[in-house]
Amino acid sequence: MSEKTPDPHGERATDNPDAIDLCRIIDQSVAQLWETVESLERLQPRNLQRFRVSVFGSSRVPPESPLFNEVKAMTRRLSVAGCDLVTGGGGGLMQAANEGATDGLLSAPASGDLPIRLVEGRANKPFVERVYRHRTFFSRLHHFVRLSSAFIVLPGGIGTTLEAMMIWQLLQVEHIPSTPFLLYGGHWNGLLQWVEETLVDNHFADRQDLTLPTVVTTVDEVVEAILEEFKQFQAMNEAKPGS
């Protein structure tokens, strides 16, 4: 009798009835976990006390690239103005964003899983760093959204595009309030053209959806757009009772 070839997708229910029960238990546990997360968000609505800017971008851009230095200049100016920076803990443009936000005092990539770096400016310190580690892209992206009041998407590959499309979709369905969603550089022109000609023209999206991202091509444009939003954020917080 020949030995049975293993199923590349795991054991089938007919091979091991207990396997499907284990999958069901895992699925139910994950569903319950996300239900708990959503319930907590309803109890504690998105009401940010600090103005944080998420920066997405490729991990493959080398330090000698002009784009690397543009990103350093961008995040340094935002940090000096009082914005907290949130970005991935890897290399490339994430490293550039971290170096700029800390004026070069933090440059090494964070280790382990899928880290998010939060750099908070303080009066008595050059920066305060926090690193959050995630095992999945889903929880990582969710954390970016929960932390931030504005989003900058730098050139990047599939991962960066996924992050951009998630922010776009959440703005489209109003799961997050209207907020700056900046696509940096001509890198994104092809994607925008595809959305218009394939999605909008074929009624898979509305033309209004094309207005949600803003294409910016210079560091000055980014800083101006973010700081304008920052001023409004500060004014709203000052107007709250007890401020």
C-alpha atoms as a PDB file:
ATOM      1  CA  MET A   1       0.000   0.000   0.000  1.00  0.00           C
ATOM      2  CA  SER A   2       1.515   3.311  -1.048  1.00  0.00           C
ATOM      3  CA  GLU A   3       2.020   6.066   1.471  1.00  0.00           C
ATOM      4  CA  LYS A   4      -0.562   8.832   1.208  1.00  0.00           C
ATOM      5  CA  THR A   5       0.739  12.094  -0.259  1.00  0.00           C
ATOM      6  CA  PRO A   6       0.300  14.958   2.249  1.00  0.00           C
ATOM      7  CA  ASP A   7      -2.264  17.580   1.330  1.00  0.00           C
ATOM      8  CA  PRO A   8      -0.319  20.878   0.822  1.00  0.00           C
ATOM      9  CA  HIS A   9      -3.248  22.781   2.313  1.00  0.00           C
ATOM     10  CA  GLY A  10      -3.424  20.669   5.479  1.00  0.00           C
ATOM     11  CA  GLU A  11      -5.521  17.700   6.465  1.00  0.00           C
ATOM     12  CA  ARG A  12      -8.986  17.443   4.988  1.00  0.00           C
ATOM     13  CA  ALA A  13     -12.038  17.022   7.197  1.00  0.00           C
ATOM     14  CA  THR A  14     -12.472  13.468   5.887  1.00  0.00           C
ATOM     15  CA  ASP A  15      -8.888  12.625   6.887  1.00  0.00           C
ATOM     16  CA  ASN A  16      -9.119  14.048  10.386  1.00  0.00           C
ATOM     17  CA  PRO A  17     -12.537  15.180  11.648  1.00  0.00           C
ATOM     18  CA  ASP A  18     -10.898  16.870  14.644  1.00  0.00           C
ATOM     19  CA  ALA A  19      -8.954  19.232  12.366  1.00  0.00           C
ATOM     20  CA  ILE A  20     -12.055  21.090  11.210  1.00  0.00           C
ATOM     21  CA  ASP A  21     -13.169  21.477  14.841  1.00  0.00           C
ATOM     22  CA  LEU A  22      -9.838  23.097  15.692  1.00  0.00           C
ATOM     23  CA  CYS A  23     -10.206  25.484  12.734  1.00  0.00           C
ATOM     24  CA  ARG A  24     -13.711  26.370  13.867  1.00  0.00           C
ATOM     25  CA  ILE A  25     -12.480  27.081  17.400  1.00  0.00           C
ATOM     26  CA  ILE A  26      -9.696  29.328  16.064  1.00  0.00           C
ATOM     27  CA  ASP A  27     -12.113  31.165  13.755  1.00  0.00           C
ATOM     28  CA  GLN A  28     -14.564  31.741  16.604  1.00  0.00           C
ATOM     29  CA  SER A  29     -11.794  32.983  18.896  1.00  0.00           C
ATOM     30  CA  VAL A  30     -10.552  35.471  16.283  1.00  0.00           C
ATOM     31  CA  ALA A  31     -14.102  36.676  15.643  1.00  0.00           C
ATOM     32  CA  GLN A  32     -14.674  37.172  19.370  1.00  0.00           C
ATOM     33  CA  LEU A  33     -11.372  39.030  19.683  1.00  0.00           C
ATOM     34  CA  TRP A  34     -12.282  41.486  16.937  1.00  0.00           C
ATOM     35  CA  GLU A  35     -15.767  41.905  18.419  1.00  0.00           C
ATOM     36  CA  THR A  36     -14.103  42.858  21.704  1.00  0.00           C
ATOM     37  CA  VAL A  37     -11.825  45.354  19.928  1.00  0.00           C
ATOM     38  CA  GLU A  38     -14.782  46.959  18.156  1.00  0.00           C
ATOM     39  CA  SER A  39     -16.748  47.160  21.425  1.00  0.00           C
ATOM     40  CA  LEU A  40     -13.841  48.915  23.133  1.00  0.00           C
ATOM     41  CA  GLU A  41     -13.667  51.410  20.277  1.00  0.00           C
ATOM     42  CA  ARG A  42     -17.348  52.221  20.750  1.00  0.00           C
ATOM     43  CA  LEU A  43     -16.719  52.827  24.446  1.00  0.00           C
ATOM     44  CA  GLN A  44     -13.617  54.880  23.699  1.00  0.00           C
ATOM     45  CA  PRO A  45     -14.243  56.690  20.406  1.00  0.00           C
ATOM     46  CA  ARG A  46     -11.394  58.025  18.305  1.00  0.00           C
ATOM     47  CA  ASN A  47     -10.547  61.180  20.207  1.00  0.00           C
ATOM     48  CA  LEU A  48      -6.855  61.814  19.830  1.00  0.00           C
ATOM     49  CA  GLN A  49      -5.063  63.998  22.360  1.00  0.00           C
ATOM     50  CA  ARG A  50      -1.857  64.355  20.339  1.00  0.00           C
ATOM     51  CA  PHE A  51      -1.420  65.133  16.656  1.00  0.00           C
ATOM     52  CA  ARG A  52       0.335  62.207  15.011  1.00  0.00           C
ATOM     53  CA  VAL A  53       1.306  61.739  11.389  1.00  0.00           C
ATOM     54  CA  SER A  54       1.636  58.250   9.902  1.00  0.00           C
ATOM     55  CA  VAL A  55       4.341  57.862   7.258  1.00  0.00           C
ATOM     56  CA  PHE A  56       4.255  54.850   4.929  1.00  0.00           C
ATOM     57  CA  GLY A  57       6.984  54.025   2.429  1.00  0.00           C
ATOM     58  CA  SER A  58       9.333  51.507   0.894  1.00  0.00           C
ATOM     59  CA  SER A  59      11.981  49.683   2.918  1.00  0.00           C
ATOM     60  CA  ARG A  60      14.146  49.347  -0.218  1.00  0.00           C
ATOM     61  CA  VAL A  61      15.258  52.938  -0.757  1.00  0.00           C
ATOM     62  CA  PRO A  62      18.977  53.358   0.095  1.00  0.00           C
ATOM     63  CA  PRO A  63      20.316  56.230   2.246  1.00  0.00           C
ATOM     64  CA  GLU A  64      22.159  57.742  -0.727  1.00  0.00           C
ATOM     65  CA  SER A  65      18.875  58.279  -2.601  1.00  0.00           C
ATOM     66  CA  PRO A  66      17.658  61.894  -2.953  1.00  0.00           C
ATOM     67  CA  LEU A  67      14.222  60.647  -1.852  1.00  0.00           C
ATOM     68  CA  PHE A  68      15.721  59.370   1.420  1.00  0.00           C
ATOM     69  CA  ASN A  69      17.009  62.854   2.211  1.00  0.00           C
ATOM     70  CA  GLU A  70      13.729  64.490   1.191  1.00  0.00           C
ATOM     71  CA  VAL A  71      11.883  62.309   3.690  1.00  0.00           C
ATOM     72  CA  LYS A  72      14.403  63.127   6.427  1.00  0.00           C
ATOM     73  CA  ALA A  73      13.903  66.847   5.793  1.00  0.00           C
ATOM     74  CA  MET A  74      10.125  66.416   5.722  1.00  0.00           C
ATOM     75  CA  THR A  75       9.823  64.581   9.038  1.00  0.00           C
ATOM     76  CA  ARG A  76      12.370  66.800  10.753  1.00  0.00           C
ATOM     77  CA  ARG A  77      10.308  69.880   9.908  1.00  0.00           C
ATOM     78  CA  LEU A  78       7.105  68.215  11.085  1.00  0.00           C
ATOM     79  CA  SER A  79       8.735  67.076  14.310  1.00  0.00           C
ATOM     80  CA  VAL A  80      10.171  70.522  15.032  1.00  0.00           C
ATOM     81  CA  ALA A  81       6.676  71.967  14.502  1.00  0.00           C
ATOM     82  CA  GLY A  82       5.312  69.667  17.216  1.00  0.00           C
ATOM     83  CA  CYS A  83       3.899  66.704  15.282  1.00  0.00           C
ATOM     84  CA  ASP A  84       4.442  63.171  16.536  1.00  0.00           C
ATOM     85  CA  LEU A  85       5.626  60.746  13.853  1.00  0.00           C
ATOM     86  CA  VAL A  86       4.402  57.194  13.390  1.00  0.00           C
ATOM     87  CA  THR A  87       6.099  54.892  10.913  1.00  0.00           C
ATOM     88  CA  GLY A  88       7.351  51.357  10.437  1.00  0.00           C
ATOM     89  CA  GLY A  89      10.482  50.268  12.230  1.00  0.00           C
ATOM     90  CA  GLY A  90      12.278  48.971   9.147  1.00  0.00           C
ATOM     91  CA  GLY A  91      14.892  50.426   6.815  1.00  0.00           C
ATOM     92  CA  GLY A  92      14.550  52.521   3.681  1.00  0.00           C
ATOM     93  CA  LEU A  93      12.062  55.381   3.852  1.00  0.00           C
ATOM     94  CA  MET A  94      10.889  54.262   7.294  1.00  0.00           C
ATOM     95  CA  GLN A  95      14.442  54.724   8.537  1.00  0.00           C
ATOM     96  CA  ALA A  96      14.595  58.113   6.794  1.00  0.00           C
ATOM     97  CA  ALA A  97      11.403  59.195   8.547  1.00  0.00           C
ATOM     98  CA  ASN A  98      12.762  58.066  11.919  1.00  0.00           C
ATOM     99  CA  GLU A  99      16.106  59.784  11.382  1.00  0.00           C
ATOM    100  CA  GLY A 100      14.410  63.025  10.409  1.00  0.00           C
ATOM    101  CA  ALA A 101      11.955  62.962  13.297  1.00  0.00           C
ATOM    102  CA  THR A 102      14.751  62.455  15.829  1.00  0.00           C
ATOM    103  CA  ASP A 103      17.315  64.670  14.089  1.00  0.00           C
ATOM    104  CA  GLY A 104      19.493  61.628  13.461  1.00  0.00           C
ATOM    105  CA  LEU A 105      19.482  60.366  17.055  1.00  0.00           C
ATOM    106  CA  LEU A 106      17.594  57.213  16.092  1.00  0.00           C
ATOM    107  CA  SER A 107      18.649  55.424  12.937  1.00  0.00           C
ATOM    108  CA  ALA A 108      18.779  51.645  13.443  1.00  0.00           C
ATOM    109  CA  PRO A 109      15.751  49.609  12.333  1.00  0.00           C
ATOM    110  CA  ALA A 110      13.651  48.101  15.114  1.00  0.00           C
ATOM    111  CA  SER A 111      13.864  44.329  15.439  1.00  0.00           C
ATOM    112  CA  GLY A 112      11.179  41.673  15.678  1.00  0.00           C
ATOM    113  CA  ASP A 113       7.925  40.958  13.859  1.00  0.00           C
ATOM    114  CA  LEU A 114       6.287  44.039  12.244  1.00  0.00           C
ATOM    115  CA  PRO A 115       7.223  47.050  14.382  1.00  0.00           C
ATOM    116  CA  ILE A 116       5.607  50.460  14.410  1.00  0.00           C
ATOM    117  CA  ARG A 117       7.693  53.308  15.763  1.00  0.00           C
ATOM    118  CA  LEU A 118       6.009  56.205  17.486  1.00  0.00           C
ATOM    119  CA  VAL A 119       8.298  59.210  18.008  1.00  0.00           C
ATOM    120  CA  GLU A 120       6.893  61.852  20.336  1.00  0.00           C
ATOM    121  CA  GLY A 121       8.468  65.270  20.695  1.00  0.00           C
ATOM    122  CA  ARG A 122       8.943  66.511  24.250  1.00  0.00           C
ATOM    123  CA  ALA A 123      10.158  69.809  25.648  1.00  0.00           C
ATOM    124  CA  ASN A 124      12.780  68.254  27.919  1.00  0.00           C
ATOM    125  CA  LYS A 125      13.979  65.503  25.577  1.00  0.00           C
ATOM    126  CA  PRO A 126      14.865  65.329  21.875  1.00  0.00           C
ATOM    127  CA  PHE A 127      12.271  62.586  21.475  1.00  0.00           C
ATOM    128  CA  VAL A 128      10.459  59.784  23.251  1.00  0.00           C
ATOM    129  CA  GLU A 129      10.332  56.544  21.271  1.00  0.00           C
ATOM    130  CA  ARG A 130       7.829  53.736  21.562  1.00  0.00           C
ATOM    131  CA  VAL A 131       7.948  50.553  19.513  1.00  0.00           C
ATOM    132  CA  TYR A 132       4.830  48.434  19.087  1.00  0.00           C
ATOM    133  CA  ARG A 133       5.288  44.972  17.579  1.00  0.00           C
ATOM    134  CA  HIS A 134       2.664  43.129  15.575  1.00  0.00           C
ATOM    135  CA  ARG A 135       2.485  39.626  14.183  1.00  0.00           C
ATOM    136  CA  THR A 136       0.078  40.444  11.351  1.00  0.00           C
ATOM    137  CA  PHE A 137      -0.253  43.242   8.817  1.00  0.00           C
ATOM    138  CA  PHE A 138      -3.945  43.537   9.724  1.00  0.00           C
ATOM    139  CA  SER A 139      -3.360  44.528  13.349  1.00  0.00           C
ATOM    140  CA  ARG A 140      -0.392  46.673  12.302  1.00  0.00           C
ATOM    141  CA  LEU A 141      -2.444  48.690   9.822  1.00  0.00           C
ATOM    142  CA  HIS A 142      -5.273  48.992  12.314  1.00  0.00           C
ATOM    143  CA  HIS A 143      -2.817  50.419  14.846  1.00  0.00           C
ATOM    144  CA  PHE A 144      -1.558  53.016  12.350  1.00  0.00           C
ATOM    145  CA  VAL A 145      -5.114  54.176  11.764  1.00  0.00           C
ATOM    146  CA  ARG A 146      -5.961  54.341  15.459  1.00  0.00           C
ATOM    147  CA  LEU A 147      -2.905  56.470  16.269  1.00  0.00           C
ATOM    148  CA  SER A 148      -2.973  59.048  13.514  1.00  0.00           C
ATOM    149  CA  SER A 149      -4.534  62.340  12.459  1.00  0.00           C
ATOM    150  CA  ALA A 150      -2.863  62.513   9.041  1.00  0.00           C
ATOM    151  CA  PHE A 151      -1.265  60.137   6.548  1.00  0.00           C
ATOM    152  CA  ILE A 152       1.676  60.539   4.182  1.00  0.00           C
ATOM    153  CA  VAL A 153       2.249  57.757   1.651  1.00  0.00           C
ATOM    154  CA  LEU A 154       5.709  57.814   0.101  1.00  0.00           C
ATOM    155  CA  PRO A 155       6.750  55.755  -2.946  1.00  0.00           C
ATOM    156  CA  GLY A 156       6.745  52.047  -2.279  1.00  0.00           C
ATOM    157  CA  GLY A 157       5.787  48.581  -3.431  1.00  0.00           C
ATOM    158  CA  ILE A 158       2.949  46.177  -2.748  1.00  0.00           C
ATOM    159  CA  GLY A 159       2.992  46.667   1.026  1.00  0.00           C
ATOM    160  CA  THR A 160       2.921  50.451   0.777  1.00  0.00           C
ATOM    161  CA  THR A 161       0.171  50.272  -1.840  1.00  0.00           C
ATOM    162  CA  LEU A 162      -1.861  48.050   0.477  1.00  0.00           C
ATOM    163  CA  GLU A 163      -1.491  50.636   3.235  1.00  0.00           C
ATOM    164  CA  ALA A 164      -2.515  53.444   0.886  1.00  0.00           C
ATOM    165  CA  MET A 165      -5.577  51.586  -0.357  1.00  0.00           C
ATOM    166  CA  MET A 166      -6.703  50.768   3.172  1.00  0.00           C
ATOM    167  CA  ILE A 167      -6.579  54.427   4.216  1.00  0.00           C
ATOM    168  CA  TRP A 168      -8.367  55.383   1.001  1.00  0.00           C
ATOM    169  CA  GLN A 169     -11.126  52.837   1.592  1.00  0.00           C
ATOM    170  CA  LEU A 170     -11.627  53.867   5.228  1.00  0.00           C
ATOM    171  CA  LEU A 171     -11.990  57.496   4.143  1.00  0.00           C
ATOM    172  CA  GLN A 172     -14.370  56.452   1.363  1.00  0.00           C
ATOM    173  CA  VAL A 173     -16.777  54.720   3.748  1.00  0.00           C
ATOM    174  CA  GLU A 174     -16.242  57.365   6.465  1.00  0.00           C
ATOM    175  CA  HIS A 175     -14.875  54.924   9.019  1.00  0.00           C
ATOM    176  CA  ILE A 176     -12.293  57.588   9.795  1.00  0.00           C
ATOM    177  CA  PRO A 177     -13.016  61.334   9.643  1.00  0.00           C
ATOM    178  CA  SER A 178     -11.825  63.489   6.794  1.00  0.00           C
ATOM    179  CA  THR A 179      -8.100  63.945   7.272  1.00  0.00           C
ATOM    180  CA  PRO A 180      -5.018  64.687   5.146  1.00  0.00           C
ATOM    181  CA  PHE A 181      -4.175  61.692   2.958  1.00  0.00           C
ATOM    182  CA  LEU A 182      -1.123  62.708   0.952  1.00  0.00           C
ATOM    183  CA  LEU A 183       0.411  60.682  -1.879  1.00  0.00           C
ATOM    184  CA  TYR A 184       3.978  61.871  -2.383  1.00  0.00           C
ATOM    185  CA  GLY A 185       5.437  62.182  -5.852  1.00  0.00           C
ATOM    186  CA  GLY A 186       4.621  61.090  -9.388  1.00  0.00           C
ATOM    187  CA  HIS A 187       5.015  57.481  -8.285  1.00  0.00           C
ATOM    188  CA  TRP A 188       1.244  57.339  -7.650  1.00  0.00           C
ATOM    189  CA  ASN A 189       0.033  58.823 -10.950  1.00  0.00           C
ATOM    190  CA  GLY A 190      -0.424  55.421 -12.596  1.00  0.00           C
ATOM    191  CA  LEU A 191      -2.541  54.145  -9.715  1.00  0.00           C
ATOM    192  CA  LEU A 192      -4.745  57.233  -9.792  1.00  0.00           C
ATOM    193  CA  GLN A 193      -5.179  56.910 -13.541  1.00  0.00           C
ATOM    194  CA  TRP A 194      -6.156  53.248 -13.158  1.00  0.00           C
ATOM    195  CA  VAL A 195      -8.702  54.120 -10.442  1.00  0.00           C
ATOM    196  CA  GLU A 196     -10.250  56.765 -12.664  1.00  0.00           C
ATOM    197  CA  GLU A 197     -10.297  54.825 -15.932  1.00  0.00           C
ATOM    198  CA  THR A 198     -11.086  51.367 -14.563  1.00  0.00           C
ATOM    199  CA  LEU A 199     -12.995  51.879 -11.320  1.00  0.00           C
ATOM    200  CA  VAL A 200     -14.732  55.230 -11.698  1.00  0.00           C
ATOM    201  CA  ASP A 201     -15.522  54.986 -15.417  1.00  0.00           C
ATOM    202  CA  ASN A 202     -16.987  51.503 -14.880  1.00  0.00           C
ATOM    203  CA  HIS A 203     -18.999  52.619 -11.819  1.00  0.00           C
ATOM    204  CA  PHE A 204     -17.044  50.578  -9.265  1.00  0.00           C
ATOM    205  CA  ALA A 205     -16.212  53.828  -7.447  1.00  0.00           C
ATOM    206  CA  ASP A 206     -17.570  57.370  -7.416  1.00  0.00           C
ATOM    207  CA  ARG A 207     -15.756  60.308  -8.927  1.00  0.00           C
ATOM    208  CA  GLN A 208     -15.847  61.915  -5.488  1.00  0.00           C
ATOM    209  CA  ASP A 209     -13.547  59.129  -4.279  1.00  0.00           C
ATOM    210  CA  LEU A 210     -10.781  60.548  -6.463  1.00  0.00           C
ATOM    211  CA  THR A 211     -10.734  63.682  -4.307  1.00  0.00           C
ATOM    212  CA  LEU A 212      -9.881  61.817  -1.092  1.00  0.00           C
ATOM    213  CA  PRO A 213      -6.107  61.564  -1.709  1.00  0.00           C
ATOM    214  CA  THR A 214      -4.033  64.649  -2.470  1.00  0.00           C
ATOM    215  CA  VAL A 215      -0.952  64.311  -4.656  1.00  0.00           C
ATOM    216  CA  VAL A 216       1.978  66.397  -3.414  1.00  0.00           C
ATOM    217  CA  THR A 217       5.344  66.652  -5.121  1.00  0.00           C
ATOM    218  CA  THR A 218       7.523  68.701  -2.763  1.00  0.00           C
ATOM    219  CA  VAL A 219       8.481  68.666   0.907  1.00  0.00           C
ATOM    220  CA  ASP A 220       7.086  72.191   1.244  1.00  0.00           C
ATOM    221  CA  GLU A 221       3.653  71.043   0.037  1.00  0.00           C
ATOM    222  CA  VAL A 222       3.600  68.200   2.549  1.00  0.00           C
ATOM    223  CA  VAL A 223       4.616  70.372   5.465  1.00  0.00           C
ATOM    224  CA  GLU A 224       2.144  73.123   4.544  1.00  0.00           C
ATOM    225  CA  ALA A 225      -0.791  70.680   4.279  1.00  0.00           C
ATOM    226  CA  ILE A 226       0.025  68.868   7.517  1.00  0.00           C
ATOM    227  CA  LEU A 227       0.661  72.000   9.563  1.00  0.00           C
ATOM    228  CA  GLU A 228      -2.597  73.550   8.378  1.00  0.00           C
ATOM    229  CA  GLU A 229      -4.412  70.493   9.738  1.00  0.00           C
ATOM    230  CA  PHE A 230      -2.315  70.667  12.906  1.00  0.00           C
ATOM    231  CA  LYS A 231      -3.478  74.241  13.530  1.00  0.00           C
ATOM    232  CA  GLN A 232      -7.106  73.156  13.228  1.00  0.00           C
ATOM    233  CA  PHE A 233      -6.453  70.225  15.571  1.00  0.00           C
ATOM    234  CA  GLN A 234      -4.949  72.554  18.180  1.00  0.00           C
ATOM    235  CA  ALA A 235      -7.830  75.023  17.863  1.00  0.00           C
ATOM    236  CA  MET A 236     -10.422  72.264  18.339  1.00  0.00           C
ATOM    237  CA  ASN A 237      -8.625  70.895  21.411  1.00  0.00           C
ATOM    238  CA  GLU A 238      -8.352  74.379  22.950  1.00  0.00           C
ATOM    239  CA  ALA A 239     -12.089  74.892  22.425  1.00  0.00           C
ATOM    240  CA  LYS A 240     -13.031  71.705  24.313  1.00  0.00           C
ATOM    241  CA  PRO A 241     -14.451  72.120  27.827  1.00  0.00           C
ATOM    242  CA  GLY A 242     -11.749  71.801  30.457  1.00  0.00           C
ATOM    243  CA  SER A 243      -8.905  72.650  28.078  1.00  0.00           C
END
